[in-house]
């Protein structure tokens, strides 16, 4: 062992290095601009959903915080961005920052409650918070538009030049760049000592303080970070579609993103992104075949994946790869 390798932090262990398959994946995200121009609007929805799933993965996959109400922060970001644009400030980037900050503040306030509970109680609390926010938005129709949705959202051109067109070109480019930048920050975070502490909390939150890791403080930090990321995703949806409805706060959206994460593989960073791609494309195709019963096929897909790949698609691929490598020795 060389001095350099001995000095290298053990928590990194080479996992922070970029691999060829990662580079190929991100290059592949540019293909819709060339090969699937008619699906750019769908591609922007996939990128936004992937960002939302990535935010849930940080708290569920890495910290073990189960949430059935993560749509609360997604919806806060969406409504914040929509209201900012509606009342005269349609600049996308500043609107995105302000909306994510509002979602982050809400996440920070909620984190003091979240850090005190685990497992079933945590599921009920997160679900309850989301339902309360949903009904509050529904009753405040003077502000949110209620069941009719927020009307009058007008976005300015991105960077002063790129308008949000009906084809989705600007929307996808904008969403993809934001997704990639947030992914870089999340990747850095999970490969840091803080990320290692989160995995320790996931495995045994009671023992972590014994080795000097304040579990409650770490949970509050990661929950706030995840809320900011979810708020970014919600703001992107509002800005690229110029609409905000109560659906952004619904239990259905929270459930969908949980399904997406389970499908791709929780705690693997790319799991939420891959799950979002598969889920959104499958939903688009299945709803085209049968608009009324497309959830049947989504449910069947989820059952097959969970039965054959209990740790999600990426988890299954990792297990098969390990078996294959052992077989070659």
Protein backbone atom coordinates (compact mmCIF):
# COMPACT_ATOMS: atom_id res chain seq x y z
CA UNK A 1 0.00 0.00 0.00
CA UNK A 2 1.39 3.39 -0.97
CA UNK A 3 1.38 6.46 1.22
CA UNK A 4 -1.14 8.13 -1.13
CA UNK A 5 -3.55 5.23 -0.98
CA UNK A 6 -3.20 4.98 2.79
CA UNK A 7 -3.94 8.67 3.13
CA UNK A 8 -7.02 8.42 0.95
CA UNK A 9 -10.19 8.67 3.09
CA UNK A 10 -11.76 5.26 3.59
CA UNK A 11 -15.29 6.57 3.07
CA UNK A 12 -14.50 7.40 -0.55
CA UNK A 13 -13.08 4.01 -1.52
CA UNK A 14 -13.19 4.94 -5.22
CA UNK A 15 -16.95 5.37 -5.27
CA UNK A 16 -16.65 9.09 -5.94
CA UNK A 17 -14.93 8.48 -9.27
CA UNK A 18 -16.89 8.79 -12.48
CA UNK A 19 -17.31 5.54 -14.40
CA UNK A 20 -17.74 5.11 -18.11
CA UNK A 21 -21.33 3.90 -17.77
CA UNK A 22 -22.22 7.07 -15.86
CA UNK A 23 -20.78 9.29 -18.57
CA UNK A 24 -22.61 7.24 -21.21
CA UNK A 25 -25.87 7.61 -19.27
CA UNK A 26 -25.68 11.39 -19.12
CA UNK A 27 -24.68 11.61 -22.77
CA UNK A 28 -27.74 9.46 -23.57
CA UNK A 29 -29.98 12.08 -21.96
CA UNK A 30 -29.14 14.33 -24.93
CA UNK A 31 -30.63 11.87 -27.43
CA UNK A 32 -34.20 13.29 -27.26
CA UNK A 33 -32.90 16.49 -28.84
CA UNK A 34 -31.83 14.47 -31.89
CA UNK A 35 -33.87 11.26 -32.11
CA UNK A 36 -37.08 11.91 -30.16
CA UNK A 37 -37.96 15.55 -30.77
CA UNK A 38 -41.68 14.82 -30.55
CA UNK A 39 -41.18 13.50 -27.01
CA UNK A 40 -39.29 16.47 -25.57
CA UNK A 41 -42.27 17.48 -23.40
CA UNK A 42 -42.38 13.96 -21.95
CA UNK A 43 -38.61 14.05 -21.49
CA UNK A 44 -38.89 17.24 -19.43
CA UNK A 45 -41.50 15.55 -17.22
CA UNK A 46 -39.16 12.59 -16.79
CA UNK A 47 -36.29 14.89 -15.74
CA UNK A 48 -38.49 16.69 -13.20
CA UNK A 49 -39.81 13.41 -11.79
CA UNK A 50 -36.26 12.05 -11.61
CA UNK A 51 -35.20 15.08 -9.56
CA UNK A 52 -38.16 14.57 -7.24
CA UNK A 53 -37.27 10.88 -6.83
CA UNK A 54 -33.64 11.80 -6.15
CA UNK A 55 -34.76 14.05 -3.29
CA UNK A 56 -36.76 11.20 -1.76
CA UNK A 57 -33.83 8.82 -2.19
CA UNK A 58 -31.66 11.01 0.04
CA UNK A 59 -34.01 10.64 3.00
CA UNK A 60 -35.35 7.14 2.35
CA UNK A 61 -32.51 5.31 0.64
CA UNK A 62 -29.66 6.87 2.60
CA UNK A 63 -31.12 8.02 5.94
CA UNK A 64 -33.96 5.51 6.27
CA UNK A 65 -36.66 8.19 6.69
CA UNK A 66 -39.85 6.73 5.25
CA UNK A 67 -42.17 9.41 3.90
CA UNK A 68 -45.62 9.25 2.35
CA UNK A 69 -45.95 13.02 2.21
CA UNK A 70 -42.92 14.19 0.25
CA UNK A 71 -45.24 15.84 -2.26
CA UNK A 72 -45.80 18.58 0.33
CA UNK A 73 -42.45 20.15 -0.56
CA UNK A 74 -42.89 19.47 -4.27
CA UNK A 75 -46.22 21.28 -4.12
CA UNK A 76 -44.82 24.15 -2.08
CA UNK A 77 -42.14 24.68 -4.69
CA UNK A 78 -44.69 24.54 -7.50
CA UNK A 79 -47.13 26.98 -5.90
CA UNK A 80 -44.35 29.33 -4.82
CA UNK A 81 -42.88 29.51 -8.33
CA UNK A 82 -46.35 29.87 -9.85
CA UNK A 83 -47.40 32.66 -7.49
CA UNK A 84 -44.14 34.55 -7.99
CA UNK A 85 -44.65 34.43 -11.77
CA UNK A 86 -48.34 35.28 -11.52
CA UNK A 87 -47.66 38.42 -9.51
CA UNK A 88 -45.23 39.94 -11.97
CA UNK A 89 -41.85 38.22 -11.65
CA UNK A 90 -41.57 35.55 -14.32
CA UNK A 91 -37.77 35.22 -14.41
CA UNK A 92 -37.20 31.43 -14.13
CA UNK A 93 -33.86 31.21 -12.28
CA UNK A 94 -34.63 33.61 -9.45
CA UNK A 95 -38.11 32.13 -9.18
CA UNK A 96 -36.54 28.68 -8.91
CA UNK A 97 -34.22 29.79 -6.12
CA UNK A 98 -36.97 31.55 -4.15
CA UNK A 99 -39.36 28.60 -4.50
CA UNK A 100 -36.75 26.09 -3.37
CA UNK A 101 -35.88 28.32 -0.39
CA UNK A 102 -39.53 28.40 0.69
CA UNK A 103 -39.76 24.61 0.43
CA UNK A 104 -36.49 24.33 2.35
CA UNK A 105 -37.78 26.51 5.19
CA UNK A 106 -40.88 24.33 5.45
CA UNK A 107 -38.69 21.23 5.43
CA UNK A 108 -36.46 22.66 8.15
CA UNK A 109 -39.49 23.42 10.36
CA UNK A 110 -40.91 19.93 9.80
CA UNK A 111 -37.54 18.28 10.42
CA UNK A 112 -37.75 18.98 14.17
CA UNK A 113 -40.81 16.72 14.27
CA UNK A 114 -39.46 14.16 11.79
CA UNK A 115 -36.20 13.67 13.72
CA UNK A 116 -38.10 12.47 16.79
CA UNK A 117 -39.92 9.56 15.19
CA UNK A 118 -39.17 6.45 13.17
CA UNK A 119 -40.96 3.79 11.12
CA UNK A 120 -44.80 3.63 11.31
CA UNK A 121 -45.20 6.84 13.31
CA UNK A 122 -43.05 8.64 10.75
CA UNK A 123 -45.19 7.38 7.88
CA UNK A 124 -48.35 8.68 9.55
CA UNK A 125 -46.80 12.05 10.43
CA UNK A 126 -45.48 12.74 6.92
CA UNK A 127 -48.79 11.66 5.39
CA UNK A 128 -50.69 13.86 7.83
CA UNK A 129 -48.55 16.92 7.08
CA UNK A 130 -49.10 16.43 3.36
CA UNK A 131 -52.88 16.04 3.73
CA UNK A 132 -53.09 19.15 5.91
CA UNK A 133 -51.18 21.19 3.33
CA UNK A 134 -53.32 19.80 0.51
CA UNK A 135 -56.55 20.82 2.22
CA UNK A 136 -55.12 24.20 3.15
CA UNK A 137 -54.31 24.87 -0.51
CA UNK A 138 -57.77 23.66 -1.51
CA UNK A 139 -59.55 25.96 0.94
CA UNK A 140 -57.40 28.99 0.10
CA UNK A 141 -58.88 29.30 -3.38
CA UNK A 142 -58.35 33.09 -3.29
CA UNK A 143 -54.60 32.39 -3.38
CA UNK A 144 -54.12 29.01 -5.06
CA UNK A 145 -57.19 28.80 -7.26
CA UNK A 146 -58.40 25.77 -5.31
CA UNK A 147 -59.68 22.87 -7.39
CA UNK A 148 -59.47 25.00 -10.54
CA UNK A 149 -55.73 25.39 -10.20
CA UNK A 150 -53.53 28.46 -10.28
CA UNK A 151 -54.27 30.62 -13.31
CA UNK A 152 -52.31 33.41 -14.93
CA UNK A 153 -48.77 32.01 -14.61
CA UNK A 154 -46.61 33.85 -17.15
CA UNK A 155 -42.96 32.90 -17.52
CA UNK A 156 -40.32 35.09 -19.09
CA UNK A 157 -37.81 33.64 -21.57
CA UNK A 158 -35.02 31.66 -19.94
CA UNK A 159 -31.88 33.83 -19.70
CA UNK A 160 -33.84 36.44 -21.64
CA UNK A 161 -33.60 34.51 -24.92
CA UNK A 162 -35.17 31.03 -24.76
CA UNK A 163 -38.95 30.93 -24.65
CA UNK A 164 -40.84 27.95 -23.24
CA UNK A 165 -42.30 26.65 -26.49
CA UNK A 166 -45.01 24.05 -27.03
CA UNK A 167 -42.48 21.52 -28.33
CA UNK A 168 -40.68 21.33 -24.98
CA UNK A 169 -37.17 22.09 -26.25
CA UNK A 170 -36.41 24.82 -23.70
CA UNK A 171 -38.30 22.97 -20.97
CA UNK A 172 -36.25 19.80 -21.39
CA UNK A 173 -32.92 21.63 -21.67
CA UNK A 174 -33.72 23.67 -18.56
CA UNK A 175 -34.94 20.65 -16.56
CA UNK A 176 -32.01 18.49 -17.64
CA UNK A 177 -29.38 21.07 -16.68
CA UNK A 178 -30.98 21.63 -13.27
CA UNK A 179 -31.26 17.86 -12.72
CA UNK A 180 -27.60 17.36 -13.56
CA UNK A 181 -26.40 20.17 -11.29
CA UNK A 182 -28.49 18.95 -8.37
CA UNK A 183 -27.33 15.39 -9.03
CA UNK A 184 -23.69 16.54 -8.83
CA UNK A 185 -24.38 18.09 -5.42
CA UNK A 186 -26.20 14.94 -4.23
CA UNK A 187 -23.40 12.71 -5.51
CA UNK A 188 -20.85 14.77 -3.64
CA UNK A 189 -22.96 14.63 -0.51
CA UNK A 190 -23.51 10.85 -0.39
CA UNK A 191 -19.79 10.17 -0.93
CA UNK A 192 -18.81 12.46 1.94
CA UNK A 193 -18.44 11.67 5.67
CA UNK A 194 -21.93 13.13 6.10
CA UNK A 195 -23.29 10.60 3.60
CA UNK A 196 -21.55 7.79 5.46
CA UNK A 197 -23.13 9.00 8.71
CA UNK A 198 -26.54 8.95 7.04
CA UNK A 199 -26.09 5.30 6.09
CA UNK A 200 -25.12 4.59 9.69
CA UNK A 201 -28.31 6.28 10.89
CA UNK A 202 -30.30 4.17 8.44
CA UNK A 203 -28.81 0.98 9.86
CA UNK A 204 -28.95 1.92 13.55
CA UNK A 205 -29.91 5.44 14.59
CA UNK A 206 -29.58 4.69 18.31
CA UNK A 207 -25.93 3.68 18.15
CA UNK A 208 -24.67 6.54 15.98
CA UNK A 209 -24.44 9.12 18.82
CA UNK A 210 -22.09 6.73 20.62
CA UNK A 211 -19.47 7.30 17.90
CA UNK A 212 -19.97 11.05 17.81
CA UNK A 213 -22.60 11.36 15.06
CA UNK A 214 -25.59 13.48 16.19
CA UNK A 215 -28.46 11.56 14.59
CA UNK A 216 -31.14 14.19 15.09
CA UNK A 217 -29.00 17.00 13.69
CA UNK A 218 -28.06 14.92 10.63
CA UNK A 219 -31.69 13.97 10.02
CA UNK A 220 -32.73 17.62 10.19
CA UNK A 221 -30.01 18.57 7.71
CA UNK A 222 -30.79 15.88 5.14
CA UNK A 223 -34.54 16.42 5.46
CA UNK A 224 -34.08 20.13 4.77
CA UNK A 225 -31.81 19.39 1.79
CA UNK A 226 -34.35 16.91 0.40
CA UNK A 227 -37.13 19.48 0.83
CA UNK A 228 -35.10 22.04 -1.13
CA UNK A 229 -34.55 19.52 -3.94
CA UNK A 230 -38.24 18.58 -4.02
CA UNK A 231 -39.09 22.29 -4.13
CA UNK A 232 -36.77 22.72 -7.11
CA UNK A 233 -38.58 19.88 -8.89
CA UNK A 234 -41.99 21.40 -8.15
CA UNK A 235 -40.85 24.85 -9.30
CA UNK A 236 -39.56 23.35 -12.55
CA UNK A 237 -42.95 21.77 -13.18
CA UNK A 238 -44.76 25.06 -12.62
CA UNK A 239 -42.35 27.03 -14.78
CA UNK A 240 -42.21 24.61 -17.72
CA UNK A 241 -45.98 24.01 -17.86
CA UNK A 242 -47.20 27.45 -16.64
CA UNK A 243 -49.85 25.63 -14.59
CA UNK A 244 -50.18 24.52 -10.97
CA UNK A 245 -52.99 22.29 -9.72
CA UNK A 246 -53.84 20.64 -6.41
CA UNK A 247 -52.43 17.42 -7.83
CA UNK A 248 -48.89 18.62 -7.01
CA UNK A 249 -49.78 18.22 -3.31
CA UNK A 250 -51.74 14.98 -3.63
CA UNK A 251 -51.08 11.69 -1.91
CA UNK A 252 -50.99 10.15 -5.39
CA UNK A 253 -47.84 12.08 -6.26
CA UNK A 254 -46.16 11.00 -3.02
CA UNK A 255 -47.12 7.39 -3.70
CA UNK A 256 -45.96 7.55 -7.31
CA UNK A 257 -42.49 8.82 -6.42
CA UNK A 258 -42.17 6.07 -3.78
CA UNK A 259 -43.09 3.48 -6.42
CA UNK A 260 -40.52 5.01 -8.78
CA UNK A 261 -37.79 4.77 -6.15
CA UNK A 262 -38.64 1.15 -5.29
CA UNK A 263 -38.70 0.31 -8.97
CA UNK A 264 -35.26 1.74 -9.69
CA UNK A 265 -33.62 0.87 -6.37
CA UNK A 266 -33.41 3.01 -3.24
CA UNK A 267 -30.07 4.11 -1.85
CA UNK A 268 -28.26 3.92 -5.18
CA UNK A 269 -28.50 7.54 -6.39
CA UNK A 270 -29.31 6.49 -9.95
CA UNK A 271 -32.23 4.36 -8.79
CA UNK A 272 -34.72 7.22 -8.71
CA UNK A 273 -33.56 8.50 -12.09
CA UNK A 274 -33.81 5.09 -13.76
CA UNK A 275 -37.13 4.42 -12.05
CA UNK A 276 -38.49 7.75 -13.29
CA UNK A 277 -37.48 6.95 -16.87
CA UNK A 278 -39.10 3.50 -16.78
CA UNK A 279 -42.23 4.62 -14.91
CA UNK A 280 -42.95 7.73 -16.97
CA UNK A 281 -42.35 6.03 -20.32
CA UNK A 282 -44.40 3.01 -19.25
CA UNK A 283 -47.22 5.27 -18.08
CA UNK A 284 -47.19 7.15 -21.36
CA UNK A 285 -47.34 3.95 -23.39
CA UNK A 286 -49.88 2.13 -21.20
CA UNK A 287 -52.22 5.12 -21.02
CA UNK A 288 -52.07 5.30 -24.81
CA UNK A 289 -53.17 1.67 -25.05
CA UNK A 290 -55.94 1.96 -22.45
CA UNK A 291 -56.54 5.36 -20.81
CA UNK A 292 -58.82 3.90 -18.09
CA UNK A 293 -56.90 0.86 -16.89
CA UNK A 294 -53.27 1.75 -17.39
CA UNK A 295 -52.60 1.49 -13.62
CA UNK A 296 -53.23 -2.24 -13.92
CA UNK A 297 -50.11 -2.61 -16.05
CA UNK A 298 -48.10 -0.33 -13.76
CA UNK A 299 -49.13 -2.48 -10.80
CA UNK A 300 -48.20 -5.65 -12.67
CA UNK A 301 -44.81 -4.18 -13.57
CA UNK A 302 -44.17 -3.27 -9.94
CA UNK A 303 -45.12 -6.76 -8.72
CA UNK A 304 -42.80 -8.44 -11.21
CA UNK A 305 -39.88 -6.16 -10.36
CA UNK A 306 -40.29 -6.56 -6.59
CA UNK A 307 -40.63 -10.35 -6.84
CA UNK A 308 -37.65 -10.83 -9.13
CA UNK A 309 -35.55 -7.87 -7.96
CA UNK A 310 -36.35 -7.12 -4.30
CA UNK A 311 -33.79 -4.30 -4.19
CA UNK A 312 -35.00 -2.67 -7.40
CA UNK A 313 -33.61 -2.85 -10.90
CA UNK A 314 -30.21 -1.44 -10.00
CA UNK A 315 -30.00 -3.68 -6.94
CA UNK A 316 -30.76 -6.72 -9.06
CA UNK A 317 -28.22 -5.74 -11.69
CA UNK A 318 -25.59 -5.25 -8.98
CA UNK A 319 -26.32 -8.70 -7.52
CA UNK A 320 -26.16 -10.40 -10.91
CA UNK A 321 -22.93 -8.57 -11.70
CA UNK A 322 -21.40 -9.77 -8.42
CA UNK A 323 -22.45 -13.36 -9.15
CA UNK A 324 -21.00 -13.13 -12.64
CA UNK A 325 -17.69 -11.78 -11.35
CA UNK A 326 -17.46 -14.55 -8.76
CA UNK A 327 -18.17 -17.12 -11.45
CA UNK A 328 -15.22 -15.90 -13.52
CA UNK A 329 -12.71 -16.31 -10.70
